[in-house]
């Protein structure tokens, strides 16, 4: 069954600072930071959390449904996504705003400082999920980083209509209130965060780790270089290490790649462990490129790299499913 991905659709402006942010920050002056970083590179790429996940799933042969708000400048981006297997028929086009913009600078240690301009994304709260679900028969709705009001609306609609949904608040945890976060995670089939976001969500929502696990079926926490942990009510704890990398180029969108791989593999009926392995390798492909949608999945190569990281059995199980 197809997966419906709601969330941000944006253009990424990615820069590189040839130094370390940490060396420019004075601990006793953080209350009056005034810094400008002279960067040595700028690239403009397609991005946005939902669009990145959708692209990744398309690379693996899935046909995800993208739902989000864009401006009339979306035509070229839409054509690109559709060429890569993404259903864009349910994307909302604003008459007033440009498509959102993400501006990010990365230093030599892969630390990042970023800003996000919502633009048309602020109108995502006007989107109803029901038409897209009825048109496509989507079995799972992923509510990823978006206009906070849209995220809350979509979670409420999913609960009221009995849709299975995944909560993926990521960067918007910093913007959302405790009430909004509690409303987002309640009843979620899946909850995606990284380690830092996990702690921040619990703190802002006033929930313990146990409280959160009582609200969701499965919690998936990425841990950077330490891999990913998956825990849930009816499953054994799963820990999967990161896939072997050949280069560290740009971490932007790595988490989106992981989600795309894991969601695709679960759609294929694979175990949590195998699905996390597929997600981890797709995340590594993102890390090895500049931009969030500049990689390509070639089934034979993908299987070979799965074998390098997780063994021949993993490769043998996944290869027949790639592109299916």
C-alpha atoms as a PDB file:
ATOM      1  CA  UNK A   1       0.000   0.000   0.000  1.00  0.00           C
ATOM      2  CA  UNK A   2       1.289   3.507  -0.764  1.00  0.00           C
ATOM      3  CA  UNK A   3       2.662   5.931   1.818  1.00  0.00           C
ATOM      4  CA  UNK A   4       1.411   9.526   1.989  1.00  0.00           C
ATOM      5  CA  UNK A   5       4.077  12.047   2.980  1.00  0.00           C
ATOM      6  CA  UNK A   6       2.916  15.399   4.348  1.00  0.00           C
ATOM      7  CA  UNK A   7       5.451  18.076   5.177  1.00  0.00           C
ATOM      8  CA  UNK A   8       7.764  20.735   3.872  1.00  0.00           C
ATOM      9  CA  UNK A   9       8.719  21.168   0.228  1.00  0.00           C
ATOM     10  CA  UNK A  10      11.549  23.657  -0.177  1.00  0.00           C
ATOM     11  CA  UNK A  11      14.566  24.891  -2.067  1.00  0.00           C
ATOM     12  CA  UNK A  12      17.882  24.423  -0.216  1.00  0.00           C
ATOM     13  CA  UNK A  13      20.676  27.020  -0.313  1.00  0.00           C
ATOM     14  CA  UNK A  14      23.697  25.107   1.018  1.00  0.00           C
ATOM     15  CA  UNK A  15      26.999  26.767   1.980  1.00  0.00           C
ATOM     16  CA  UNK A  16      30.319  25.567   3.380  1.00  0.00           C
ATOM     17  CA  UNK A  17      32.399  27.321   6.052  1.00  0.00           C
ATOM     18  CA  UNK A  18      36.086  26.223   5.978  1.00  0.00           C
ATOM     19  CA  UNK A  19      36.509  26.260   9.737  1.00  0.00           C
ATOM     20  CA  UNK A  20      34.760  25.279  12.973  1.00  0.00           C
ATOM     21  CA  UNK A  21      31.754  27.113  14.370  1.00  0.00           C
ATOM     22  CA  UNK A  22      32.795  26.054  17.876  1.00  0.00           C
ATOM     23  CA  UNK A  23      35.978  28.134  17.632  1.00  0.00           C
ATOM     24  CA  UNK A  24      33.952  31.293  16.951  1.00  0.00           C
ATOM     25  CA  UNK A  25      31.540  30.951  19.870  1.00  0.00           C
ATOM     26  CA  UNK A  26      32.538  32.491  23.218  1.00  0.00           C
ATOM     27  CA  UNK A  27      30.833  30.762  26.144  1.00  0.00           C
ATOM     28  CA  UNK A  28      30.436  33.974  28.168  1.00  0.00           C
ATOM     29  CA  UNK A  29      29.130  35.990  25.189  1.00  0.00           C
ATOM     30  CA  UNK A  30      26.397  33.736  23.854  1.00  0.00           C
ATOM     31  CA  UNK A  31      23.738  36.217  24.961  1.00  0.00           C
ATOM     32  CA  UNK A  32      24.983  38.734  22.364  1.00  0.00           C
ATOM     33  CA  UNK A  33      26.208  36.628  19.455  1.00  0.00           C
ATOM     34  CA  UNK A  34      26.960  38.660  16.327  1.00  0.00           C
ATOM     35  CA  UNK A  35      28.783  36.569  13.745  1.00  0.00           C
ATOM     36  CA  UNK A  36      29.227  36.453   9.993  1.00  0.00           C
ATOM     37  CA  UNK A  37      30.867  33.434   8.357  1.00  0.00           C
ATOM     38  CA  UNK A  38      32.704  33.878   5.063  1.00  0.00           C
ATOM     39  CA  UNK A  39      31.766  30.758   3.105  1.00  0.00           C
ATOM     40  CA  UNK A  40      33.650  29.288   0.176  1.00  0.00           C
ATOM     41  CA  UNK A  41      30.840  27.460  -1.607  1.00  0.00           C
ATOM     42  CA  UNK A  42      27.159  27.850  -2.426  1.00  0.00           C
ATOM     43  CA  UNK A  43      24.873  25.367  -4.146  1.00  0.00           C
ATOM     44  CA  UNK A  44      21.120  25.574  -4.646  1.00  0.00           C
ATOM     45  CA  UNK A  45      19.281  22.261  -4.460  1.00  0.00           C
ATOM     46  CA  UNK A  46      15.791  20.838  -4.177  1.00  0.00           C
ATOM     47  CA  UNK A  47      14.765  19.971  -0.624  1.00  0.00           C
ATOM     48  CA  UNK A  48      12.120  19.963   2.076  1.00  0.00           C
ATOM     49  CA  UNK A  49      11.597  17.062   4.468  1.00  0.00           C
ATOM     50  CA  UNK A  50       8.566  15.470   2.801  1.00  0.00           C
ATOM     51  CA  UNK A  51       9.976  15.934  -0.689  1.00  0.00           C
ATOM     52  CA  UNK A  52      13.331  14.433   0.336  1.00  0.00           C
ATOM     53  CA  UNK A  53      11.664  11.354   1.814  1.00  0.00           C
ATOM     54  CA  UNK A  54       9.460  11.031  -1.245  1.00  0.00           C
ATOM     55  CA  UNK A  55      12.454  11.223  -3.590  1.00  0.00           C
ATOM     56  CA  UNK A  56      14.267   8.520  -1.610  1.00  0.00           C
ATOM     57  CA  UNK A  57      11.279   6.208  -1.706  1.00  0.00           C
ATOM     58  CA  UNK A  58      10.975   6.811  -5.428  1.00  0.00           C
ATOM     59  CA  UNK A  59      14.618   5.803  -5.854  1.00  0.00           C
ATOM     60  CA  UNK A  60      13.791   2.482  -4.196  1.00  0.00           C
ATOM     61  CA  UNK A  61      10.899   1.850  -6.572  1.00  0.00           C
ATOM     62  CA  UNK A  62       8.012   3.080  -4.434  1.00  0.00           C
ATOM     63  CA  UNK A  63       5.299   5.507  -5.564  1.00  0.00           C
ATOM     64  CA  UNK A  64       4.842   7.827  -2.541  1.00  0.00           C
ATOM     65  CA  UNK A  65       2.151  10.506  -2.435  1.00  0.00           C
ATOM     66  CA  UNK A  66       3.464  13.972  -1.623  1.00  0.00           C
ATOM     67  CA  UNK A  67       1.240  16.436   0.242  1.00  0.00           C
ATOM     68  CA  UNK A  68       2.412  19.957   1.070  1.00  0.00           C
ATOM     69  CA  UNK A  69       2.077  23.603   0.091  1.00  0.00           C
ATOM     70  CA  UNK A  70       4.200  25.259  -2.625  1.00  0.00           C
ATOM     71  CA  UNK A  71       4.289  28.404  -4.734  1.00  0.00           C
ATOM     72  CA  UNK A  72       3.720  28.756  -8.453  1.00  0.00           C
ATOM     73  CA  UNK A  73       7.500  28.450  -8.858  1.00  0.00           C
ATOM     74  CA  UNK A  74       7.134  24.697  -8.179  1.00  0.00           C
ATOM     75  CA  UNK A  75       6.658  23.565 -11.797  1.00  0.00           C
ATOM     76  CA  UNK A  76      10.265  22.511 -12.502  1.00  0.00           C
ATOM     77  CA  UNK A  77      10.614  20.879  -9.099  1.00  0.00           C
ATOM     78  CA  UNK A  78       7.336  19.005  -9.636  1.00  0.00           C
ATOM     79  CA  UNK A  79       8.531  17.664 -12.979  1.00  0.00           C
ATOM     80  CA  UNK A  80      11.741  16.440 -11.327  1.00  0.00           C
ATOM     81  CA  UNK A  81       9.883  14.624  -8.554  1.00  0.00           C
ATOM     82  CA  UNK A  82       7.429  13.029 -10.949  1.00  0.00           C
ATOM     83  CA  UNK A  83      10.298  11.770 -13.124  1.00  0.00           C
ATOM     84  CA  UNK A  84      11.632  10.135  -9.966  1.00  0.00           C
ATOM     85  CA  UNK A  85       8.466   8.298  -9.053  1.00  0.00           C
ATOM     86  CA  UNK A  86       6.651  10.765  -6.784  1.00  0.00           C
ATOM     87  CA  UNK A  87       2.886  11.396  -7.003  1.00  0.00           C
ATOM     88  CA  UNK A  88       2.470  15.204  -6.775  1.00  0.00           C
ATOM     89  CA  UNK A  89      -1.226  15.416  -7.654  1.00  0.00           C
ATOM     90  CA  UNK A  90      -2.219  16.328  -4.076  1.00  0.00           C
ATOM     91  CA  UNK A  91       0.300  19.165  -3.623  1.00  0.00           C
ATOM     92  CA  UNK A  92      -1.387  22.482  -2.774  1.00  0.00           C
ATOM     93  CA  UNK A  93      -0.277  25.507  -4.859  1.00  0.00           C
ATOM     94  CA  UNK A  94      -0.402  28.944  -3.209  1.00  0.00           C
ATOM     95  CA  UNK A  95      -1.463  32.031  -5.134  1.00  0.00           C
ATOM     96  CA  UNK A  96       0.419  34.332  -2.744  1.00  0.00           C
ATOM     97  CA  UNK A  97       3.753  32.869  -1.642  1.00  0.00           C
ATOM     98  CA  UNK A  98       6.909  31.363  -3.067  1.00  0.00           C
ATOM     99  CA  UNK A  99       7.966  27.828  -2.213  1.00  0.00           C
ATOM    100  CA  UNK A 100       9.780  27.632   1.137  1.00  0.00           C
ATOM    101  CA  UNK A 101      13.546  28.256   1.411  1.00  0.00           C
ATOM    102  CA  UNK A 102      16.116  26.466   3.605  1.00  0.00           C
ATOM    103  CA  UNK A 103      19.472  28.272   4.063  1.00  0.00           C
ATOM    104  CA  UNK A 104      22.197  26.201   5.728  1.00  0.00           C
ATOM    105  CA  UNK A 105      25.926  26.562   6.400  1.00  0.00           C
ATOM    106  CA  UNK A 106      28.025  23.492   7.275  1.00  0.00           C
ATOM    107  CA  UNK A 107      31.476  23.658   8.875  1.00  0.00           C
ATOM    108  CA  UNK A 108      34.462  21.300   8.734  1.00  0.00           C
ATOM    109  CA  UNK A 109      33.065  19.150  11.555  1.00  0.00           C
ATOM    110  CA  UNK A 110      29.682  18.694   9.830  1.00  0.00           C
ATOM    111  CA  UNK A 111      28.055  21.071  12.334  1.00  0.00           C
ATOM    112  CA  UNK A 112      25.323  23.221  10.827  1.00  0.00           C
ATOM    113  CA  UNK A 113      23.663  26.616  11.314  1.00  0.00           C
ATOM    114  CA  UNK A 114      20.454  27.020   9.353  1.00  0.00           C
ATOM    115  CA  UNK A 115      17.396  29.196   8.827  1.00  0.00           C
ATOM    116  CA  UNK A 116      14.076  28.301   7.221  1.00  0.00           C
ATOM    117  CA  UNK A 117      11.635  30.662   5.481  1.00  0.00           C
ATOM    118  CA  UNK A 118       8.179  29.116   5.409  1.00  0.00           C
ATOM    119  CA  UNK A 119       6.677  30.946   2.434  1.00  0.00           C
ATOM    120  CA  UNK A 120       3.878  28.836   0.949  1.00  0.00           C
ATOM    121  CA  UNK A 121       4.374  26.268   3.682  1.00  0.00           C
ATOM    122  CA  UNK A 122       2.388  28.576   6.001  1.00  0.00           C
ATOM    123  CA  UNK A 123      -0.699  27.617   3.975  1.00  0.00           C
ATOM    124  CA  UNK A 124      -0.300  23.874   4.573  1.00  0.00           C
ATOM    125  CA  UNK A 125      -2.817  24.237   7.412  1.00  0.00           C
ATOM    126  CA  UNK A 126      -5.470  24.566   4.666  1.00  0.00           C
ATOM    127  CA  UNK A 127      -4.840  21.025   3.396  1.00  0.00           C
ATOM    128  CA  UNK A 128      -7.241  18.186   4.182  1.00  0.00           C
ATOM    129  CA  UNK A 129      -5.769  14.695   3.939  1.00  0.00           C
ATOM    130  CA  UNK A 130      -8.986  12.822   3.141  1.00  0.00           C
ATOM    131  CA  UNK A 131      -9.060  13.559  -0.640  1.00  0.00           C
ATOM    132  CA  UNK A 132      -5.491  12.303  -1.098  1.00  0.00           C
ATOM    133  CA  UNK A 133      -6.130   9.184   0.998  1.00  0.00           C
ATOM    134  CA  UNK A 134      -9.328   8.358  -0.890  1.00  0.00           C
ATOM    135  CA  UNK A 135      -7.675   8.969  -4.274  1.00  0.00           C
ATOM    136  CA  UNK A 136      -4.658   6.757  -3.580  1.00  0.00           C
ATOM    137  CA  UNK A 137      -5.675   4.292  -0.877  1.00  0.00           C
ATOM    138  CA  UNK A 138      -2.664   5.348   1.225  1.00  0.00           C
ATOM    139  CA  UNK A 139      -2.130   3.007   4.167  1.00  0.00           C
ATOM    140  CA  UNK A 140       0.203   5.210   6.242  1.00  0.00           C
ATOM    141  CA  UNK A 141       0.457   8.993   6.611  1.00  0.00           C
ATOM    142  CA  UNK A 142       3.793  10.480   7.611  1.00  0.00           C
ATOM    143  CA  UNK A 143       3.377  13.854   9.330  1.00  0.00           C
ATOM    144  CA  UNK A 144       6.809  15.416   8.976  1.00  0.00           C
ATOM    145  CA  UNK A 145       8.159  18.925   9.652  1.00  0.00           C
ATOM    146  CA  UNK A 146       5.730  21.476   8.244  1.00  0.00           C
ATOM    147  CA  UNK A 147       3.706  24.471   9.353  1.00  0.00           C
ATOM    148  CA  UNK A 148       3.020  23.549  13.023  1.00  0.00           C
ATOM    149  CA  UNK A 149      -0.710  24.229  12.667  1.00  0.00           C
ATOM    150  CA  UNK A 150      -0.783  21.880   9.675  1.00  0.00           C
ATOM    151  CA  UNK A 151       1.000  19.156  11.620  1.00  0.00           C
ATOM    152  CA  UNK A 152      -1.511  19.389  14.450  1.00  0.00           C
ATOM    153  CA  UNK A 153      -4.469  19.453  12.038  1.00  0.00           C
ATOM    154  CA  UNK A 154      -3.207  16.403  10.171  1.00  0.00           C
ATOM    155  CA  UNK A 155      -2.662  14.407  13.363  1.00  0.00           C
ATOM    156  CA  UNK A 156      -6.161  15.276  14.589  1.00  0.00           C
ATOM    157  CA  UNK A 157      -7.654  14.283  11.237  1.00  0.00           C
ATOM    158  CA  UNK A 158      -5.714  11.021  11.198  1.00  0.00           C
ATOM    159  CA  UNK A 159      -7.001  10.060  14.639  1.00  0.00           C
ATOM    160  CA  UNK A 160     -10.584  11.061  13.869  1.00  0.00           C
ATOM    161  CA  UNK A 161     -10.656   9.148  10.572  1.00  0.00           C
ATOM    162  CA  UNK A 162      -8.711   6.156  11.858  1.00  0.00           C
ATOM    163  CA  UNK A 163      -5.698   6.628   9.561  1.00  0.00           C
ATOM    164  CA  UNK A 164      -2.407   5.018  10.576  1.00  0.00           C
ATOM    165  CA  UNK A 165       0.154   7.801  10.938  1.00  0.00           C
ATOM    166  CA  UNK A 166       3.794   8.436  11.777  1.00  0.00           C
ATOM    167  CA  UNK A 167       4.921  11.544  13.681  1.00  0.00           C
ATOM    168  CA  UNK A 168       8.197  13.043  12.452  1.00  0.00           C
ATOM    169  CA  UNK A 169       8.446  16.541  13.992  1.00  0.00           C
ATOM    170  CA  UNK A 170      12.263  16.983  13.630  1.00  0.00           C
ATOM    171  CA  UNK A 171      13.197  20.681  13.365  1.00  0.00           C
ATOM    172  CA  UNK A 172       9.735  21.876  14.321  1.00  0.00           C
ATOM    173  CA  UNK A 173      10.070  20.594  17.897  1.00  0.00           C
ATOM    174  CA  UNK A 174      11.837  23.875  18.655  1.00  0.00           C
ATOM    175  CA  UNK A 175       8.844  25.845  17.346  1.00  0.00           C
ATOM    176  CA  UNK A 176       5.961  23.753  18.673  1.00  0.00           C
ATOM    177  CA  UNK A 177       4.428  24.076  22.141  1.00  0.00           C
ATOM    178  CA  UNK A 178       4.176  21.246  24.624  1.00  0.00           C
ATOM    179  CA  UNK A 179       0.438  20.914  23.913  1.00  0.00           C
ATOM    180  CA  UNK A 180       1.083  20.722  20.172  1.00  0.00           C
ATOM    181  CA  UNK A 181       3.755  18.064  20.629  1.00  0.00           C
ATOM    182  CA  UNK A 182       1.556  15.955  22.876  1.00  0.00           C
ATOM    183  CA  UNK A 183      -1.225  16.216  20.318  1.00  0.00           C
ATOM    184  CA  UNK A 184       1.109  15.230  17.500  1.00  0.00           C
ATOM    185  CA  UNK A 185       2.457  12.032  19.038  1.00  0.00           C
ATOM    186  CA  UNK A 186      -0.755  10.724  20.600  1.00  0.00           C
ATOM    187  CA  UNK A 187      -1.757   7.506  18.872  1.00  0.00           C
ATOM    188  CA  UNK A 188       1.079   7.545  16.337  1.00  0.00           C
ATOM    189  CA  UNK A 189       2.059   4.246  14.772  1.00  0.00           C
ATOM    190  CA  UNK A 190       5.655   5.478  14.508  1.00  0.00           C
ATOM    191  CA  UNK A 191       7.637   8.316  16.081  1.00  0.00           C
ATOM    192  CA  UNK A 192      10.849   9.444  14.369  1.00  0.00           C
ATOM    193  CA  UNK A 193      13.432  11.632  16.157  1.00  0.00           C
ATOM    194  CA  UNK A 194      17.166  11.867  16.586  1.00  0.00           C
ATOM    195  CA  UNK A 195      18.761  11.683  20.048  1.00  0.00           C
ATOM    196  CA  UNK A 196      18.648  15.427  20.681  1.00  0.00           C
ATOM    197  CA  UNK A 197      15.089  15.770  19.389  1.00  0.00           C
ATOM    198  CA  UNK A 198      13.996  12.867  21.597  1.00  0.00           C
ATOM    199  CA  UNK A 199      15.177  14.669  24.731  1.00  0.00           C
ATOM    200  CA  UNK A 200      13.840  18.048  23.595  1.00  0.00           C
ATOM    201  CA  UNK A 201      10.419  16.597  22.789  1.00  0.00           C
ATOM    202  CA  UNK A 202      10.180  14.931  26.201  1.00  0.00           C
ATOM    203  CA  UNK A 203      11.254  18.143  27.946  1.00  0.00           C
ATOM    204  CA  UNK A 204       8.878  20.463  26.075  1.00  0.00           C
ATOM    205  CA  UNK A 205       5.923  18.059  26.199  1.00  0.00           C
ATOM    206  CA  UNK A 206       6.496  17.253  29.878  1.00  0.00           C
ATOM    207  CA  UNK A 207       6.594  13.533  29.116  1.00  0.00           C
ATOM    208  CA  UNK A 208       8.933  10.824  30.316  1.00  0.00           C
ATOM    209  CA  UNK A 209      10.373   8.233  27.958  1.00  0.00           C
ATOM    210  CA  UNK A 210       7.806   5.787  29.295  1.00  0.00           C
ATOM    211  CA  UNK A 211       4.984   8.285  28.763  1.00  0.00           C
ATOM    212  CA  UNK A 212       5.947   8.660  25.103  1.00  0.00           C
ATOM    213  CA  UNK A 213       6.161   4.905  24.566  1.00  0.00           C
ATOM    214  CA  UNK A 214       2.672   4.604  26.034  1.00  0.00           C
ATOM    215  CA  UNK A 215       1.448   7.021  23.339  1.00  0.00           C
ATOM    216  CA  UNK A 216       3.107   5.479  20.254  1.00  0.00           C
ATOM    217  CA  UNK A 217       3.514   1.949  18.952  1.00  0.00           C
ATOM    218  CA  UNK A 218       7.138   2.163  17.781  1.00  0.00           C
ATOM    219  CA  UNK A 219       9.813   4.769  18.525  1.00  0.00           C
ATOM    220  CA  UNK A 220      12.704   5.137  16.076  1.00  0.00           C
ATOM    221  CA  UNK A 221      15.658   7.197  17.300  1.00  0.00           C
ATOM    222  CA  UNK A 222      18.632   7.932  15.061  1.00  0.00           C
ATOM    223  CA  UNK A 223      21.892   8.363  16.966  1.00  0.00           C
ATOM    224  CA  UNK A 224      24.319   9.824  14.439  1.00  0.00           C
ATOM    225  CA  UNK A 225      27.517   7.816  14.160  1.00  0.00           C
ATOM    226  CA  UNK A 226      26.117   5.354  16.730  1.00  0.00           C
ATOM    227  CA  UNK A 227      23.382   4.126  14.409  1.00  0.00           C
ATOM    228  CA  UNK A 228      19.678   3.815  15.180  1.00  0.00           C
ATOM    229  CA  UNK A 229      17.598   2.373  18.017  1.00  0.00           C
ATOM    230  CA  UNK A 230      14.064   1.025  17.552  1.00  0.00           C
ATOM    231  CA  UNK A 231      11.850   0.216  20.540  1.00  0.00           C
ATOM    232  CA  UNK A 232       8.135  -0.493  20.824  1.00  0.00           C
ATOM    233  CA  UNK A 233       5.336  -2.093  22.747  1.00  0.00           C
ATOM    234  CA  UNK A 234       5.367  -5.441  20.965  1.00  0.00           C
ATOM    235  CA  UNK A 235       8.873  -5.670  19.518  1.00  0.00           C
ATOM    236  CA  UNK A 236      12.317  -6.527  20.826  1.00  0.00           C
ATOM    237  CA  UNK A 237      14.757  -3.609  20.999  1.00  0.00           C
ATOM    238  CA  UNK A 238      16.665  -3.254  17.721  1.00  0.00           C
ATOM    239  CA  UNK A 239      19.983  -1.476  17.275  1.00  0.00           C
ATOM    240  CA  UNK A 240      21.540  -1.092  13.824  1.00  0.00           C
ATOM    241  CA  UNK A 241      24.962   0.521  13.242  1.00  0.00           C
ATOM    242  CA  UNK A 242      25.514   3.055  10.478  1.00  0.00           C
ATOM    243  CA  UNK A 243      26.361   1.802   7.003  1.00  0.00           C
ATOM    244  CA  UNK A 244      29.957   2.119   5.831  1.00  0.00           C
ATOM    245  CA  UNK A 245      30.618   5.444   4.185  1.00  0.00           C
ATOM    246  CA  UNK A 246      33.028   6.248   1.365  1.00  0.00           C
ATOM    247  CA  UNK A 247      33.068   9.995   2.007  1.00  0.00           C
ATOM    248  CA  UNK A 248      31.508  12.640   4.249  1.00  0.00           C
ATOM    249  CA  UNK A 249      30.343  15.411   1.965  1.00  0.00           C
ATOM    250  CA  UNK A 250      27.138  16.978   3.329  1.00  0.00           C
ATOM    251  CA  UNK A 251      24.892  15.772   6.202  1.00  0.00           C
ATOM    252  CA  UNK A 252      21.842  17.745   5.019  1.00  0.00           C
ATOM    253  CA  UNK A 253      18.914  15.385   4.480  1.00  0.00           C
ATOM    254  CA  UNK A 254      20.615  12.295   5.928  1.00  0.00           C
ATOM    255  CA  UNK A 255      17.705  11.710   8.317  1.00  0.00           C
ATOM    256  CA  UNK A 256      15.229  12.048   5.461  1.00  0.00           C
ATOM    257  CA  UNK A 257      17.129   9.408   3.518  1.00  0.00           C
ATOM    258  CA  UNK A 258      16.981   7.068   6.495  1.00  0.00           C
ATOM    259  CA  UNK A 259      13.235   7.501   6.780  1.00  0.00           C
ATOM    260  CA  UNK A 260      12.762   6.860   3.065  1.00  0.00           C
ATOM    261  CA  UNK A 261      14.713   3.615   3.266  1.00  0.00           C
ATOM    262  CA  UNK A 262      13.052   2.331   6.420  1.00  0.00           C
ATOM    263  CA  UNK A 263       9.525   3.179   5.242  1.00  0.00           C
ATOM    264  CA  UNK A 264      10.123   1.534   1.862  1.00  0.00           C
ATOM    265  CA  UNK A 265      11.520  -1.616   3.424  1.00  0.00           C
ATOM    266  CA  UNK A 266       8.615  -1.872   5.854  1.00  0.00           C
ATOM    267  CA  UNK A 267       6.269  -1.551   2.873  1.00  0.00           C
ATOM    268  CA  UNK A 268       8.084  -4.552   1.378  1.00  0.00           C
ATOM    269  CA  UNK A 269       7.349  -6.515   4.548  1.00  0.00           C
ATOM    270  CA  UNK A 270      10.912  -6.626   5.896  1.00  0.00           C
ATOM    271  CA  UNK A 271      11.817  -6.840   9.590  1.00  0.00           C
ATOM    272  CA  UNK A 272      12.626  -3.760  11.661  1.00  0.00           C
ATOM    273  CA  UNK A 273      16.311  -4.651  11.647  1.00  0.00           C
ATOM    274  CA  UNK A 274      16.512  -5.133   7.892  1.00  0.00           C
ATOM    275  CA  UNK A 275      14.437  -2.017   7.280  1.00  0.00           C
ATOM    276  CA  UNK A 276      16.785   0.048   9.451  1.00  0.00           C
ATOM    277  CA  UNK A 277      19.729  -1.335   7.481  1.00  0.00           C
ATOM    278  CA  UNK A 278      18.142  -0.230   4.202  1.00  0.00           C
ATOM    279  CA  UNK A 279      17.456   3.180   5.745  1.00  0.00           C
ATOM    280  CA  UNK A 280      20.985   3.513   7.075  1.00  0.00           C
ATOM    281  CA  UNK A 281      22.528   2.771   3.690  1.00  0.00           C
ATOM    282  CA  UNK A 282      20.240   5.239   1.922  1.00  0.00           C
ATOM    283  CA  UNK A 283      21.230   7.834   4.538  1.00  0.00           C
ATOM    284  CA  UNK A 284      24.883   7.152   3.735  1.00  0.00           C
ATOM    285  CA  UNK A 285      24.245   7.772   0.035  1.00  0.00           C
ATOM    286  CA  UNK A 286      22.827  11.178   0.975  1.00  0.00           C
ATOM    287  CA  UNK A 287      25.871  11.923   3.153  1.00  0.00           C
ATOM    288  CA  UNK A 288      28.153  11.202   0.196  1.00  0.00           C
ATOM    289  CA  UNK A 289      26.562  13.863  -2.038  1.00  0.00           C
ATOM    290  CA  UNK A 290      25.971  17.631  -1.923  1.00  0.00           C
ATOM    291  CA  UNK A 291      22.238  18.170  -1.758  1.00  0.00           C
ATOM    292  CA  UNK A 292      19.421  15.979  -0.549  1.00  0.00           C
ATOM    293  CA  UNK A 293      18.224  14.568  -3.882  1.00  0.00           C
ATOM    294  CA  UNK A 294      21.433  14.173  -5.864  1.00  0.00           C
ATOM    295  CA  UNK A 295      22.069  10.453  -5.362  1.00  0.00           C
ATOM    296  CA  UNK A 296      20.867   7.503  -7.405  1.00  0.00           C
ATOM    297  CA  UNK A 297      20.032   3.988  -6.256  1.00  0.00           C
ATOM    298  CA  UNK A 298      21.425   1.319  -8.575  1.00  0.00           C
ATOM    299  CA  UNK A 299      20.114  -2.048  -7.352  1.00  0.00           C
ATOM    300  CA  UNK A 300      23.293  -4.099  -7.850  1.00  0.00           C
ATOM    301  CA  UNK A 301      25.505  -1.441  -6.268  1.00  0.00           C
ATOM    302  CA  UNK A 302      23.047  -0.917  -3.405  1.00  0.00           C
ATOM    303  CA  UNK A 303      22.989  -4.646  -2.656  1.00  0.00           C
ATOM    304  CA  UNK A 304      26.784  -4.828  -2.778  1.00  0.00           C
ATOM    305  CA  UNK A 305      27.077  -2.052  -0.234  1.00  0.00           C
ATOM    306  CA  UNK A 306      24.444  -3.674   1.980  1.00  0.00           C
ATOM    307  CA  UNK A 307      26.596  -6.790   1.972  1.00  0.00           C
ATOM    308  CA  UNK A 308      29.672  -4.738   2.923  1.00  0.00           C
ATOM    309  CA  UNK A 309      27.905  -3.273   5.952  1.00  0.00           C
ATOM    310  CA  UNK A 310      25.424  -5.925   7.039  1.00  0.00           C
ATOM    311  CA  UNK A 311      26.345  -9.194   5.333  1.00  0.00           C
ATOM    312  CA  UNK A 312      25.390 -11.238   2.306  1.00  0.00           C
ATOM    313  CA  UNK A 313      22.066 -12.317   3.792  1.00  0.00           C
ATOM    314  CA  UNK A 314      20.889  -8.703   3.939  1.00  0.00           C
ATOM    315  CA  UNK A 315      21.868  -8.119   0.320  1.00  0.00           C
ATOM    316  CA  UNK A 316      20.184 -11.330  -0.870  1.00  0.00           C
ATOM    317  CA  UNK A 317      16.925 -10.412   0.860  1.00  0.00           C
ATOM    318  CA  UNK A 318      16.780  -6.818  -0.370  1.00  0.00           C
ATOM    319  CA  UNK A 319      18.063  -7.043  -3.960  1.00  0.00           C
ATOM    320  CA  UNK A 320      14.930  -8.693  -5.446  1.00  0.00           C
ATOM    321  CA  UNK A 321      12.789  -5.949  -3.914  1.00  0.00           C
ATOM    322  CA  UNK A 322      14.712  -2.926  -5.220  1.00  0.00           C
ATOM    323  CA  UNK A 323      12.755  -1.148  -7.920  1.00  0.00           C
ATOM    324  CA  UNK A 324       9.805  -3.484  -7.481  1.00  0.00           C
END
